[in-house]
Amino acid sequence: MMSSEKQNRILLIACGALAREIMALKKANGWDHMDLQCLPANLHLWPDRITGAVEAAVIENRDAYGGIFVVYADCGTGGTLKAKCAELGVEMVAGPHCYSFYEGNEAFAARDECTAFYLTDFLVRQFDGFVWKPMGFDRHPELIPMMFGNYEKLVYQAQTEDPALDAKAEDCARRLGLKYERRFTGYGGLKSTLAAL
């Protein structure tokens, strides 16, 4: 039988790209009843692996917590993550991806920006490791127009006020040959979703 202490604890199974933001929210709001387990952020390079990794983490931890919440949106899984979470009886963040829930799912959908490329604080920090090198731009810059030719702007959705990150995001846009736009989203839907727990 689960102890009352464990029964009152919530495990957040999250994308590693959200770790810093979740830890900041936990600290700022005194959410000491939440524990965090992050899966590797680079699973986004292979979205078909996200659902299985989440499932394994839920199964491994379900007997140790009163509740488990999955801090992933669909993230390119084509609905399989949502279906698996329903099958496992756990909830997850609503929305297609973090860009949407940071800005607010309704507001993001209303913009209908199919020619925008988005970065968050995490992706600005990790631009070379998650965008530049995996796409081969460090070795083959001639691929940039082929892969980004239909994009018009880079939108940096800032979670924090950090001039160094702003400058780096603007440099990312320059490197990709895109116009630059900065939007301060803060933690957006991530904060409200976790607050509800």
N, C-alpha and C. Protein backbone atom coordinates (compact mmCIF):
# COMPACT_ATOMS: atom_id res chain seq x y z
N MET A 1 0.84 -1.19 0.00
CA MET A 1 0.00 0.00 0.00
C MET A 1 0.88 1.25 0.00
N MET A 2 0.50 2.25 -0.79
CA MET A 2 1.28 3.47 -0.94
C MET A 2 1.14 4.34 0.31
N SER A 3 2.26 4.87 0.79
CA SER A 3 2.23 5.76 1.95
C SER A 3 1.51 7.06 1.56
N SER A 4 0.98 7.75 2.58
CA SER A 4 0.27 9.01 2.30
C SER A 4 1.22 10.04 1.71
N GLU A 5 2.50 9.99 2.12
CA GLU A 5 3.48 10.93 1.55
C GLU A 5 3.62 10.72 0.06
N LYS A 6 3.77 9.47 -0.35
CA LYS A 6 3.89 9.16 -1.78
C LYS A 6 2.58 9.48 -2.51
N GLN A 7 1.47 9.21 -1.86
CA GLN A 7 0.17 9.44 -2.49
C GLN A 7 -0.03 10.93 -2.81
N ASN A 8 0.58 11.80 -2.05
CA ASN A 8 0.44 13.24 -2.26
C ASN A 8 1.47 13.82 -3.23
N ARG A 9 2.35 12.99 -3.75
CA ARG A 9 3.40 13.48 -4.64
C ARG A 9 3.00 13.25 -6.10
N ILE A 10 3.44 14.17 -6.93
CA ILE A 10 3.19 14.09 -8.37
C ILE A 10 4.53 14.00 -9.08
N LEU A 11 4.63 13.07 -10.00
CA LEU A 11 5.82 12.99 -10.84
C LEU A 11 5.54 13.66 -12.17
N LEU A 12 6.39 14.57 -12.54
CA LEU A 12 6.32 15.20 -13.86
C LEU A 12 7.32 14.47 -14.75
N ILE A 13 6.84 13.84 -15.79
CA ILE A 13 7.72 13.22 -16.79
C ILE A 13 7.76 14.19 -17.95
N ALA A 14 8.93 14.78 -18.14
CA ALA A 14 9.02 15.93 -19.04
C ALA A 14 10.11 15.79 -20.08
N CYS A 15 9.94 16.56 -21.12
CA CYS A 15 10.98 16.73 -22.12
C CYS A 15 12.15 17.48 -21.47
N GLY A 16 13.35 17.02 -21.72
CA GLY A 16 14.53 17.68 -21.16
C GLY A 16 14.66 19.13 -21.58
N ALA A 17 14.03 19.50 -22.69
CA ALA A 17 14.08 20.89 -23.15
C ALA A 17 13.30 21.82 -22.23
N LEU A 18 12.49 21.26 -21.34
CA LEU A 18 11.68 22.06 -20.42
C LEU A 18 12.21 22.03 -18.99
N ALA A 19 13.31 21.35 -18.76
CA ALA A 19 13.81 21.14 -17.39
C ALA A 19 14.07 22.45 -16.66
N ARG A 20 14.81 23.36 -17.26
CA ARG A 20 15.15 24.62 -16.60
C ARG A 20 13.90 25.40 -16.25
N GLU A 21 12.94 25.45 -17.16
CA GLU A 21 11.72 26.20 -16.95
C GLU A 21 10.87 25.57 -15.85
N ILE A 22 10.76 24.24 -15.85
CA ILE A 22 9.97 23.57 -14.82
C ILE A 22 10.62 23.76 -13.44
N MET A 23 11.93 23.64 -13.37
CA MET A 23 12.62 23.85 -12.10
C MET A 23 12.43 25.28 -11.60
N ALA A 24 12.47 26.25 -12.50
CA ALA A 24 12.25 27.65 -12.10
C ALA A 24 10.84 27.84 -11.57
N LEU A 25 9.85 27.24 -12.23
CA LEU A 25 8.47 27.34 -11.77
C LEU A 25 8.26 26.65 -10.42
N LYS A 26 8.86 25.48 -10.26
CA LYS A 26 8.75 24.77 -8.99
C LYS A 26 9.31 25.62 -7.85
N LYS A 27 10.46 26.20 -8.08
CA LYS A 27 11.11 27.01 -7.04
C LYS A 27 10.31 28.28 -6.75
N ALA A 28 9.88 28.97 -7.78
CA ALA A 28 9.17 30.24 -7.59
C ALA A 28 7.82 30.07 -6.92
N ASN A 29 7.19 28.91 -7.12
CA ASN A 29 5.85 28.70 -6.60
C ASN A 29 5.78 27.75 -5.41
N GLY A 30 6.93 27.26 -4.97
CA GLY A 30 6.95 26.35 -3.82
C GLY A 30 6.25 25.03 -4.07
N TRP A 31 6.34 24.54 -5.29
CA TRP A 31 5.69 23.28 -5.64
C TRP A 31 6.56 22.10 -5.22
N ASP A 32 6.68 21.93 -3.92
CA ASP A 32 7.55 20.89 -3.39
C ASP A 32 6.95 19.50 -3.48
N HIS A 33 5.68 19.42 -3.83
CA HIS A 33 5.01 18.12 -3.95
C HIS A 33 5.25 17.48 -5.33
N MET A 34 6.01 18.18 -6.17
CA MET A 34 6.29 17.68 -7.52
C MET A 34 7.74 17.24 -7.65
N ASP A 35 7.93 16.07 -8.24
CA ASP A 35 9.26 15.61 -8.62
C ASP A 35 9.35 15.65 -10.13
N LEU A 36 10.55 15.77 -10.63
CA LEU A 36 10.75 15.89 -12.07
C LEU A 36 11.68 14.80 -12.58
N GLN A 37 11.23 14.13 -13.62
CA GLN A 37 12.09 13.19 -14.36
C GLN A 37 12.07 13.62 -15.82
N CYS A 38 13.23 13.98 -16.32
CA CYS A 38 13.31 14.43 -17.71
C CYS A 38 13.82 13.34 -18.62
N LEU A 39 13.21 13.26 -19.77
CA LEU A 39 13.69 12.38 -20.83
C LEU A 39 14.59 13.21 -21.74
N PRO A 40 15.49 12.59 -22.47
CA PRO A 40 16.44 13.36 -23.29
C PRO A 40 15.73 14.28 -24.28
N ALA A 41 16.18 15.53 -24.31
CA ALA A 41 15.58 16.51 -25.22
C ALA A 41 15.78 16.11 -26.68
N ASN A 42 16.85 15.38 -26.95
CA ASN A 42 17.11 15.02 -28.35
C ASN A 42 16.16 13.95 -28.89
N LEU A 43 15.22 13.47 -28.07
CA LEU A 43 14.17 12.60 -28.61
C LEU A 43 13.39 13.31 -29.71
N HIS A 44 13.41 14.64 -29.68
CA HIS A 44 12.69 15.39 -30.72
C HIS A 44 13.31 15.19 -32.10
N LEU A 45 14.54 14.73 -32.13
CA LEU A 45 15.15 14.42 -33.43
C LEU A 45 14.54 13.15 -34.01
N TRP A 46 13.92 12.33 -33.16
CA TRP A 46 13.23 11.10 -33.56
C TRP A 46 11.89 11.05 -32.83
N PRO A 47 10.90 11.84 -33.24
CA PRO A 47 9.62 11.91 -32.50
C PRO A 47 8.92 10.56 -32.34
N ASP A 48 9.20 9.63 -33.22
CA ASP A 48 8.57 8.32 -33.11
C ASP A 48 9.04 7.56 -31.86
N ARG A 49 10.10 8.03 -31.22
CA ARG A 49 10.61 7.38 -30.00
C ARG A 49 10.03 7.98 -28.72
N ILE A 50 9.37 9.11 -28.82
CA ILE A 50 8.89 9.80 -27.61
C ILE A 50 7.84 8.97 -26.88
N THR A 51 6.87 8.44 -27.59
CA THR A 51 5.77 7.71 -26.96
C THR A 51 6.28 6.52 -26.16
N GLY A 52 7.18 5.74 -26.74
CA GLY A 52 7.72 4.58 -26.04
C GLY A 52 8.52 4.96 -24.80
N ALA A 53 9.27 6.04 -24.90
CA ALA A 53 10.07 6.50 -23.75
C ALA A 53 9.17 6.98 -22.63
N VAL A 54 8.11 7.70 -22.97
CA VAL A 54 7.16 8.16 -21.96
C VAL A 54 6.46 6.96 -21.32
N GLU A 55 6.03 6.03 -22.13
CA GLU A 55 5.35 4.84 -21.61
C GLU A 55 6.24 4.10 -20.60
N ALA A 56 7.50 3.90 -20.95
CA ALA A 56 8.43 3.19 -20.06
C ALA A 56 8.59 3.94 -18.74
N ALA A 57 8.69 5.27 -18.80
CA ALA A 57 8.86 6.06 -17.58
C ALA A 57 7.61 6.02 -16.71
N VAL A 58 6.44 6.05 -17.32
CA VAL A 58 5.19 5.95 -16.55
C VAL A 58 5.11 4.60 -15.85
N ILE A 59 5.35 3.54 -16.59
CA ILE A 59 5.26 2.19 -16.03
C ILE A 59 6.27 2.01 -14.89
N GLU A 60 7.46 2.51 -15.08
CA GLU A 60 8.51 2.38 -14.06
C GLU A 60 8.15 3.10 -12.77
N ASN A 61 7.42 4.21 -12.87
CA ASN A 61 7.18 5.06 -11.70
C ASN A 61 5.76 5.05 -11.15
N ARG A 62 4.84 4.39 -11.80
CA ARG A 62 3.43 4.55 -11.43
C ARG A 62 3.12 4.11 -10.01
N ASP A 63 3.83 3.12 -9.47
CA ASP A 63 3.54 2.66 -8.11
C ASP A 63 4.15 3.53 -7.03
N ALA A 64 5.01 4.47 -7.41
CA ALA A 64 5.70 5.29 -6.42
C ALA A 64 5.07 6.67 -6.23
N TYR A 65 4.04 7.01 -7.01
CA TYR A 65 3.46 8.35 -6.97
C TYR A 65 1.94 8.29 -6.96
N GLY A 66 1.36 9.30 -6.32
CA GLY A 66 -0.09 9.43 -6.34
C GLY A 66 -0.60 9.87 -7.68
N GLY A 67 0.23 10.56 -8.44
CA GLY A 67 -0.15 11.01 -9.77
C GLY A 67 1.07 11.21 -10.65
N ILE A 68 0.87 11.03 -11.93
CA ILE A 68 1.92 11.28 -12.92
C ILE A 68 1.34 12.20 -13.98
N PHE A 69 2.09 13.21 -14.33
CA PHE A 69 1.67 14.14 -15.38
C PHE A 69 2.78 14.21 -16.42
N VAL A 70 2.41 14.11 -17.69
CA VAL A 70 3.37 14.11 -18.80
C VAL A 70 3.50 15.52 -19.35
N VAL A 71 4.69 16.08 -19.23
CA VAL A 71 4.93 17.45 -19.68
C VAL A 71 5.56 17.40 -21.08
N TYR A 72 4.75 16.90 -21.98
CA TYR A 72 4.99 16.91 -23.42
C TYR A 72 3.67 17.33 -24.05
N ALA A 73 3.74 18.04 -25.15
CA ALA A 73 2.57 18.19 -26.02
C ALA A 73 2.68 17.06 -27.05
N ASP A 74 2.00 17.16 -28.17
CA ASP A 74 2.08 16.07 -29.16
C ASP A 74 3.50 15.90 -29.70
N CYS A 75 4.19 16.99 -29.93
CA CYS A 75 5.62 16.99 -30.28
C CYS A 75 5.98 16.09 -31.46
N GLY A 76 5.11 16.05 -32.46
CA GLY A 76 5.42 15.29 -33.67
C GLY A 76 5.09 13.82 -33.59
N THR A 77 4.38 13.39 -32.55
CA THR A 77 4.07 11.97 -32.42
C THR A 77 2.83 11.55 -33.20
N GLY A 78 2.18 12.50 -33.85
CA GLY A 78 1.01 12.18 -34.66
C GLY A 78 -0.16 11.64 -33.86
N GLY A 79 -0.28 12.07 -32.61
CA GLY A 79 -1.39 11.62 -31.78
C GLY A 79 -1.12 10.36 -30.98
N THR A 80 0.00 9.69 -31.24
CA THR A 80 0.26 8.43 -30.52
C THR A 80 0.55 8.68 -29.04
N LEU A 81 1.18 9.80 -28.71
CA LEU A 81 1.46 10.09 -27.30
C LEU A 81 0.16 10.33 -26.54
N LYS A 82 -0.74 11.08 -27.11
CA LYS A 82 -2.03 11.33 -26.46
C LYS A 82 -2.79 10.03 -26.25
N ALA A 83 -2.81 9.18 -27.26
CA ALA A 83 -3.50 7.90 -27.15
C ALA A 83 -2.86 7.02 -26.07
N LYS A 84 -1.54 7.01 -26.02
CA LYS A 84 -0.83 6.19 -25.02
C LYS A 84 -1.08 6.72 -23.62
N CYS A 85 -1.07 8.04 -23.45
CA CYS A 85 -1.35 8.62 -22.13
C CYS A 85 -2.76 8.26 -21.68
N ALA A 86 -3.72 8.30 -22.59
CA ALA A 86 -5.10 7.92 -22.26
C ALA A 86 -5.14 6.45 -21.84
N GLU A 87 -4.44 5.61 -22.58
CA GLU A 87 -4.39 4.17 -22.25
C GLU A 87 -3.77 3.94 -20.88
N LEU A 88 -2.74 4.73 -20.55
CA LEU A 88 -2.04 4.58 -19.27
C LEU A 88 -2.76 5.29 -18.12
N GLY A 89 -3.77 6.11 -18.45
CA GLY A 89 -4.51 6.82 -17.42
C GLY A 89 -3.76 8.00 -16.83
N VAL A 90 -2.91 8.65 -17.64
CA VAL A 90 -2.19 9.84 -17.18
C VAL A 90 -2.54 11.01 -18.11
N GLU A 91 -2.46 12.21 -17.55
CA GLU A 91 -2.73 13.41 -18.34
C GLU A 91 -1.44 13.96 -18.91
N MET A 92 -1.61 14.83 -19.91
CA MET A 92 -0.46 15.47 -20.54
C MET A 92 -0.82 16.90 -20.91
N VAL A 93 0.19 17.67 -21.29
CA VAL A 93 -0.02 19.05 -21.71
C VAL A 93 -0.82 19.05 -23.01
N ALA A 94 -1.76 19.96 -23.11
CA ALA A 94 -2.55 20.09 -24.33
C ALA A 94 -1.79 20.92 -25.36
N GLY A 95 -1.94 20.55 -26.62
CA GLY A 95 -1.36 21.34 -27.69
C GLY A 95 -0.47 20.52 -28.60
N PRO A 96 -0.11 21.10 -29.74
CA PRO A 96 0.71 20.37 -30.70
C PRO A 96 2.19 20.35 -30.34
N HIS A 97 2.69 21.39 -29.63
CA HIS A 97 4.11 21.49 -29.30
C HIS A 97 4.31 22.62 -28.30
N CYS A 98 5.54 22.76 -27.80
CA CYS A 98 5.79 23.76 -26.76
C CYS A 98 5.64 25.18 -27.29
N TYR A 99 5.90 25.42 -28.55
CA TYR A 99 5.74 26.77 -29.09
C TYR A 99 4.29 27.22 -28.92
N SER A 100 3.38 26.28 -29.08
CA SER A 100 1.96 26.59 -28.96
C SER A 100 1.57 26.82 -27.50
N PHE A 101 1.99 25.93 -26.59
CA PHE A 101 1.54 26.13 -25.21
C PHE A 101 2.27 27.27 -24.52
N TYR A 102 3.47 27.62 -24.96
CA TYR A 102 4.12 28.80 -24.39
C TYR A 102 3.33 30.07 -24.74
N GLU A 103 2.89 30.14 -25.97
CA GLU A 103 2.17 31.33 -26.42
C GLU A 103 0.69 31.29 -26.05
N GLY A 104 0.19 30.10 -25.79
CA GLY A 104 -1.24 29.88 -25.55
C GLY A 104 -1.79 29.23 -26.80
N ASN A 105 -2.37 28.04 -26.66
CA ASN A 105 -2.79 27.27 -27.83
C ASN A 105 -3.74 28.03 -28.75
N GLU A 106 -4.69 28.74 -28.19
CA GLU A 106 -5.64 29.49 -29.04
C GLU A 106 -4.95 30.63 -29.78
N ALA A 107 -4.12 31.38 -29.05
CA ALA A 107 -3.42 32.51 -29.67
C ALA A 107 -2.46 32.02 -30.76
N PHE A 108 -1.78 30.91 -30.48
CA PHE A 108 -0.84 30.36 -31.46
C PHE A 108 -1.57 29.93 -32.72
N ALA A 109 -2.67 29.22 -32.56
CA ALA A 109 -3.44 28.74 -33.72
C ALA A 109 -3.99 29.91 -34.53
N ALA A 110 -4.40 30.96 -33.84
CA ALA A 110 -4.98 32.12 -34.53
C ALA A 110 -3.95 32.84 -35.41
N ARG A 111 -2.69 32.75 -35.04
CA ARG A 111 -1.65 33.42 -35.84
C ARG A 111 -1.45 32.74 -37.20
N ASP A 112 -1.59 31.43 -37.25
CA ASP A 112 -1.45 30.68 -38.50
C ASP A 112 -0.17 31.07 -39.25
N GLU A 113 0.95 30.93 -38.56
CA GLU A 113 2.24 31.35 -39.11
C GLU A 113 3.02 30.18 -39.69
N CYS A 114 2.63 29.71 -40.83
CA CYS A 114 3.30 28.55 -41.41
C CYS A 114 4.66 28.89 -42.00
N THR A 115 5.00 30.17 -42.08
CA THR A 115 6.32 30.54 -42.62
C THR A 115 7.26 31.04 -41.51
N ALA A 116 6.94 30.70 -40.26
CA ALA A 116 7.78 31.10 -39.14
C ALA A 116 8.49 29.88 -38.56
N PHE A 117 9.75 30.07 -38.21
CA PHE A 117 10.55 29.05 -37.52
C PHE A 117 10.72 29.54 -36.09
N TYR A 118 10.42 28.67 -35.12
CA TYR A 118 10.38 29.08 -33.73
C TYR A 118 11.56 28.56 -32.93
N LEU A 119 12.00 29.41 -32.00
CA LEU A 119 12.99 29.00 -31.01
C LEU A 119 12.48 29.41 -29.62
N THR A 120 12.78 28.57 -28.63
CA THR A 120 12.53 28.88 -27.23
C THR A 120 13.88 29.19 -26.59
N ASP A 121 13.88 29.54 -25.31
CA ASP A 121 15.15 29.77 -24.61
C ASP A 121 16.07 28.56 -24.77
N PHE A 122 15.51 27.37 -24.55
CA PHE A 122 16.32 26.16 -24.66
C PHE A 122 16.94 26.04 -26.05
N LEU A 123 16.14 26.24 -27.09
CA LEU A 123 16.65 26.06 -28.44
C LEU A 123 17.63 27.16 -28.86
N VAL A 124 17.49 28.34 -28.30
CA VAL A 124 18.50 29.36 -28.56
C VAL A 124 19.83 28.91 -27.96
N ARG A 125 19.78 28.44 -26.70
CA ARG A 125 21.01 27.97 -26.04
C ARG A 125 21.63 26.79 -26.79
N GLN A 126 20.79 25.92 -27.31
CA GLN A 126 21.25 24.67 -27.92
C GLN A 126 21.15 24.67 -29.45
N PHE A 127 21.15 25.83 -30.05
CA PHE A 127 20.91 25.95 -31.49
C PHE A 127 21.89 25.11 -32.31
N ASP A 128 23.16 25.20 -31.98
CA ASP A 128 24.14 24.44 -32.77
C ASP A 128 23.92 22.93 -32.64
N GLY A 129 23.64 22.46 -31.42
CA GLY A 129 23.48 21.03 -31.18
C GLY A 129 22.16 20.45 -31.66
N PHE A 130 21.12 21.29 -31.75
CA PHE A 130 19.80 20.77 -32.12
C PHE A 130 19.34 21.17 -33.51
N VAL A 131 19.95 22.21 -34.09
CA VAL A 131 19.54 22.67 -35.42
C VAL A 131 20.73 22.66 -36.37
N TRP A 132 21.73 23.47 -36.08
CA TRP A 132 22.81 23.74 -37.02
C TRP A 132 23.57 22.49 -37.43
N LYS A 133 24.06 21.72 -36.47
CA LYS A 133 24.86 20.54 -36.79
C LYS A 133 24.02 19.35 -37.26
N PRO A 134 22.88 19.03 -36.59
CA PRO A 134 22.09 17.89 -37.08
C PRO A 134 21.59 18.06 -38.51
N MET A 135 21.34 19.30 -38.92
CA MET A 135 20.89 19.54 -40.29
C MET A 135 22.06 19.67 -41.27
N GLY A 136 23.26 19.60 -40.75
CA GLY A 136 24.45 19.62 -41.62
C GLY A 136 24.87 20.99 -42.10
N PHE A 137 24.33 22.06 -41.51
CA PHE A 137 24.64 23.41 -41.98
C PHE A 137 26.09 23.79 -41.69
N ASP A 138 26.70 23.18 -40.69
CA ASP A 138 28.10 23.47 -40.38
C ASP A 138 29.03 22.95 -41.48
N ARG A 139 28.61 21.90 -42.16
CA ARG A 139 29.42 21.31 -43.23
C ARG A 139 28.92 21.70 -44.62
N HIS A 140 27.62 21.95 -44.72
CA HIS A 140 27.01 22.22 -46.02
C HIS A 140 26.06 23.41 -45.93
N PRO A 141 26.57 24.62 -45.84
CA PRO A 141 25.70 25.79 -45.74
C PRO A 141 24.78 25.96 -46.95
N GLU A 142 25.10 25.32 -48.04
CA GLU A 142 24.25 25.42 -49.22
C GLU A 142 22.89 24.75 -49.00
N LEU A 143 22.77 23.95 -47.92
CA LEU A 143 21.50 23.32 -47.60
C LEU A 143 20.50 24.30 -46.97
N ILE A 144 20.99 25.41 -46.43
CA ILE A 144 20.10 26.34 -45.72
C ILE A 144 18.97 26.84 -46.62
N PRO A 145 19.25 27.33 -47.84
CA PRO A 145 18.12 27.79 -48.67
C PRO A 145 17.16 26.66 -49.05
N MET A 146 17.69 25.44 -49.18
CA MET A 146 16.83 24.30 -49.52
C MET A 146 15.87 23.99 -48.36
N MET A 147 16.38 24.04 -47.13
CA MET A 147 15.58 23.65 -45.97
C MET A 147 14.79 24.81 -45.37
N PHE A 148 15.29 26.03 -45.55
CA PHE A 148 14.64 27.18 -44.92
C PHE A 148 14.14 28.20 -45.94
N GLY A 149 14.14 27.84 -47.20
CA GLY A 149 13.74 28.76 -48.24
C GLY A 149 12.29 29.21 -48.18
N ASN A 150 11.42 28.42 -47.58
CA ASN A 150 10.01 28.80 -47.48
C ASN A 150 9.67 29.51 -46.17
N TYR A 151 10.65 29.60 -45.28
CA TYR A 151 10.45 30.36 -44.05
C TYR A 151 10.74 31.83 -44.32
N GLU A 152 10.02 32.70 -43.61
CA GLU A 152 10.23 34.13 -43.76
C GLU A 152 10.85 34.76 -42.53
N LYS A 153 10.57 34.20 -41.36
CA LYS A 153 11.10 34.81 -40.15
C LYS A 153 11.38 33.76 -39.09
N LEU A 154 12.27 34.11 -38.18
CA LEU A 154 12.53 33.33 -36.99
C LEU A 154 11.86 34.06 -35.82
N VAL A 155 11.02 33.35 -35.10
CA VAL A 155 10.34 33.93 -33.94
C VAL A 155 10.96 33.32 -32.69
N TYR A 156 11.56 34.19 -31.89
CA TYR A 156 12.12 33.76 -30.62
C TYR A 156 11.07 33.98 -29.54
N GLN A 157 10.55 32.89 -29.00
CA GLN A 157 9.58 32.96 -27.91
C GLN A 157 10.38 32.93 -26.61
N ALA A 158 10.60 34.08 -26.05
CA ALA A 158 11.45 34.21 -24.86
C ALA A 158 10.69 33.86 -23.59
N GLN A 159 11.26 32.95 -22.81
CA GLN A 159 10.68 32.64 -21.52
C GLN A 159 11.22 33.59 -20.44
N THR A 160 12.40 34.14 -20.68
CA THR A 160 13.06 35.01 -19.70
C THR A 160 13.53 36.29 -20.38
N GLU A 161 13.83 37.28 -19.55
CA GLU A 161 14.42 38.52 -20.05
C GLU A 161 15.93 38.39 -19.94
N ASP A 162 16.58 38.06 -21.05
CA ASP A 162 18.01 37.80 -21.05
C ASP A 162 18.62 38.39 -22.32
N PRO A 163 19.28 39.56 -22.22
CA PRO A 163 19.84 40.20 -23.40
C PRO A 163 20.82 39.32 -24.18
N ALA A 164 21.57 38.47 -23.47
CA ALA A 164 22.51 37.58 -24.16
C ALA A 164 21.78 36.57 -25.03
N LEU A 165 20.66 36.04 -24.52
CA LEU A 165 19.87 35.11 -25.33
C LEU A 165 19.21 35.84 -26.50
N ASP A 166 18.76 37.06 -26.26
CA ASP A 166 18.17 37.85 -27.35
C ASP A 166 19.18 38.00 -28.49
N ALA A 167 20.41 38.36 -28.14
CA ALA A 167 21.46 38.56 -29.14
C ALA A 167 21.76 37.27 -29.88
N LYS A 168 21.79 36.16 -29.13
CA LYS A 168 22.07 34.87 -29.76
C LYS A 168 20.93 34.47 -30.69
N ALA A 169 19.69 34.71 -30.28
CA ALA A 169 18.54 34.38 -31.13
C ALA A 169 18.57 35.19 -32.42
N GLU A 170 18.91 36.46 -32.29
CA GLU A 170 19.01 37.30 -33.48
C GLU A 170 20.10 36.80 -34.42
N ASP A 171 21.20 36.32 -33.84
CA ASP A 171 22.27 35.74 -34.65
C ASP A 171 21.80 34.45 -35.34
N CYS A 172 20.99 33.66 -34.66
CA CYS A 172 20.44 32.44 -35.28
C CYS A 172 19.63 32.81 -36.52
N ALA A 173 18.82 33.86 -36.40
CA ALA A 173 18.02 34.31 -37.55
C ALA A 173 18.92 34.74 -38.69
N ARG A 174 19.95 35.49 -38.36
CA ARG A 174 20.89 35.96 -39.38
C ARG A 174 21.54 34.77 -40.09
N ARG A 175 21.98 33.79 -39.33
CA ARG A 175 22.64 32.62 -39.90
C ARG A 175 21.72 31.86 -40.85
N LEU A 176 20.43 31.86 -40.54
CA LEU A 176 19.46 31.15 -41.39
C LEU A 176 18.91 32.03 -42.50
N GLY A 177 19.28 33.31 -42.50
CA GLY A 177 18.81 34.23 -43.53
C GLY A 177 17.35 34.62 -43.36
N LEU A 178 16.89 34.69 -42.09
CA LEU A 178 15.49 34.99 -41.81
C LEU A 178 15.35 36.32 -41.07
N LYS A 179 14.19 36.95 -41.23
CA LYS A 179 13.86 38.12 -40.42
C LYS A 179 13.75 37.67 -38.98
N TYR A 180 13.93 38.60 -38.05
CA TYR A 180 13.92 38.25 -36.63
C TYR A 180 12.77 38.92 -35.91
N GLU A 181 12.08 38.13 -35.08
CA GLU A 181 11.03 38.67 -34.22
C GLU A 181 11.15 38.03 -32.85
N ARG A 182 11.11 38.86 -31.84
CA ARG A 182 11.15 38.38 -30.45
C ARG A 182 9.78 38.58 -29.82
N ARG A 183 9.27 37.52 -29.18
CA ARG A 183 8.03 37.61 -28.43
C ARG A 183 8.29 37.12 -27.01
N PHE A 184 7.96 37.91 -26.04
CA PHE A 184 8.08 37.44 -24.67
C PHE A 184 6.82 36.67 -24.32
N THR A 185 6.96 35.37 -24.12
CA THR A 185 5.82 34.53 -23.75
C THR A 185 5.84 34.19 -22.26
N GLY A 186 7.01 34.35 -21.62
CA GLY A 186 7.15 33.83 -20.27
C GLY A 186 6.94 32.32 -20.32
N TYR A 187 6.36 31.79 -19.26
CA TYR A 187 6.13 30.35 -19.22
C TYR A 187 4.76 29.96 -19.76
N GLY A 188 3.93 30.96 -20.07
CA GLY A 188 2.66 30.74 -20.74
C GLY A 188 1.85 29.60 -20.17
N GLY A 189 1.38 28.73 -21.07
CA GLY A 189 0.55 27.60 -20.69
C GLY A 189 1.25 26.56 -19.83
N LEU A 190 2.58 26.55 -19.85
CA LEU A 190 3.31 25.62 -18.99
C LEU A 190 3.03 25.97 -17.53
N LYS A 191 3.08 27.25 -17.21
CA LYS A 191 2.84 27.68 -15.83
C LYS A 191 1.41 27.38 -15.40
N SER A 192 0.43 27.74 -16.22
CA SER A 192 -0.96 27.52 -15.83
C SER A 192 -1.29 26.04 -15.73
N THR A 193 -0.71 25.23 -16.60
CA THR A 193 -0.96 23.79 -16.57
C THR A 193 -0.41 23.18 -15.29
N LEU A 194 0.83 23.52 -14.95
CA LEU A 194 1.42 22.95 -13.73
C LEU A 194 0.76 23.50 -12.48
N ALA A 195 0.34 24.75 -12.52
CA ALA A 195 -0.34 25.34 -11.36
C ALA A 195 -1.63 24.60 -11.04
N ALA A 196 -2.28 24.07 -12.07
CA ALA A 196 -3.53 23.35 -11.87
C ALA A 196 -3.31 22.01 -11.15
N LEU A 197 -2.06 21.54 -11.13
CA LEU A 197 -1.75 20.28 -10.45
C LEU A 197 -1.60 20.49 -8.96
